[in-house]
Protein backbone atom coordinates (compact mmCIF):
# COMPACT_ATOMS: atom_id res chain seq x y z
CA MET A 1 146.43 94.97 102.54
CA GLU A 2 142.63 94.77 102.85
CA THR A 3 140.36 94.79 99.84
CA GLY A 4 139.42 98.32 98.79
CA GLN A 5 142.53 99.91 100.26
CA PHE A 6 144.47 100.40 97.07
CA LYS A 7 147.04 103.19 97.17
CA ALA A 8 148.01 104.41 93.74
CA SER A 9 151.61 105.18 92.92
CA PRO A 10 152.49 108.86 92.44
CA ARG A 11 152.91 108.25 88.72
CA ARG A 12 149.49 106.59 88.46
CA ARG A 13 147.89 109.37 90.48
CA LEU A 14 149.45 111.99 88.21
CA LEU A 15 148.11 110.17 85.16
CA ASP A 16 144.64 109.89 86.72
CA ASP A 17 144.64 113.63 87.55
CA PHE A 18 145.75 114.44 84.01
CA ILE A 19 142.98 112.31 82.47
CA LEU A 20 140.36 113.85 84.74
CA ALA A 21 141.58 117.35 83.91
CA GLU A 22 141.39 116.57 80.20
CA ILE A 23 137.82 115.30 80.56
CA PHE A 24 136.87 118.47 82.45
CA LEU A 25 138.56 120.57 79.76
CA VAL A 26 136.55 118.90 77.00
CA GLN A 27 133.28 119.31 78.93
CA ALA A 28 134.05 122.95 79.67
CA GLY A 29 134.97 123.58 76.03
CA ILE A 30 131.66 122.18 74.85
CA GLU A 31 129.66 124.22 77.36
CA SER A 32 131.66 127.34 76.56
CA ALA A 33 131.05 126.93 72.83
CA MET A 34 127.33 126.52 73.49
CA SER A 35 127.33 129.74 75.54
CA ILE A 36 129.10 131.61 72.76
CA GLY A 37 126.58 130.27 70.24
CA ASP A 38 123.72 131.46 72.46
CA GLY A 39 125.34 134.89 72.67
CA LEU A 40 125.66 135.09 68.89
CA GLU A 41 121.97 134.19 68.57
CA GLN A 42 121.07 136.99 70.99
CA ILE A 43 123.13 139.45 68.96
CA ALA A 44 121.43 138.30 65.76
CA ARG A 45 117.98 138.71 67.36
CA LYS A 46 118.93 142.23 68.47
CA PHE A 47 119.20 143.27 64.83
CA ASP A 48 116.24 141.20 63.61
CA PRO A 49 113.30 143.48 62.78
CA ASP A 50 110.87 140.63 63.51
CA ALA A 51 112.25 140.04 67.03
CA GLU A 52 110.34 141.13 70.09
CA GLN A 53 110.97 144.67 71.33
CA GLU A 54 112.65 143.42 74.50
CA GLU A 55 115.25 141.47 72.50
CA ARG A 56 115.99 144.47 70.26
CA ASN A 57 116.37 146.81 73.24
CA GLN A 58 119.17 144.78 74.83
CA SER A 59 122.50 146.55 75.00
CA LEU A 60 125.15 144.98 72.79
CA SER A 61 127.75 145.36 75.54
CA ALA A 62 125.43 143.64 78.04
CA ILE A 63 125.00 140.70 75.67
CA VAL A 64 128.77 140.43 75.17
CA GLN A 65 129.44 140.64 78.92
CA ARG A 66 126.82 137.96 79.70
CA THR A 67 128.24 135.76 76.96
CA ALA A 68 131.81 136.18 78.22
CA SER A 69 130.77 135.32 81.77
CA ALA A 70 128.83 132.27 80.61
CA ALA A 71 131.75 131.13 78.43
CA VAL A 72 134.30 131.34 81.26
CA GLU A 73 132.15 129.81 84.02
CA PRO A 74 132.50 126.14 82.94
CA TYR A 75 136.29 126.40 83.14
CA THR A 76 136.35 128.06 86.55
CA SER A 77 133.82 125.72 88.15
CA ARG A 78 135.62 122.61 86.89
CA LEU A 79 139.00 123.93 88.00
CA GLN A 80 137.60 124.53 91.49
CA TYR A 81 136.11 121.04 91.53
CA LEU A 82 139.39 119.47 90.39
CA LYS A 83 141.30 121.33 93.11
CA LEU A 84 138.76 120.15 95.68
CA LEU A 85 139.16 116.54 94.52
CA GLN A 86 142.94 116.80 94.75
CA GLU A 87 142.80 118.31 98.26
CA ASN A 88 140.44 115.58 99.48
CA ASP A 89 142.65 112.90 97.94
CA ARG A 90 145.71 113.91 99.97
């Protein structure tokens, strides 16, 4: 076997995939929480009398929809990336 041509056992590969998935899950969770926090700030500014008119005119449902989309996106993008890595590894 030449140097650099290491083939991992199926058990090791499964463990590596699991660890990578866990790392992606933590990253996505952090980004999702940040998106939800941003959405809550936008909702608070909507009801703040000192906020700019544009912030107060935003629809509450539009803010919630944007927040939901932003909160889900980190999970979907990382899942797609993980699937791509697994397909390229085979």
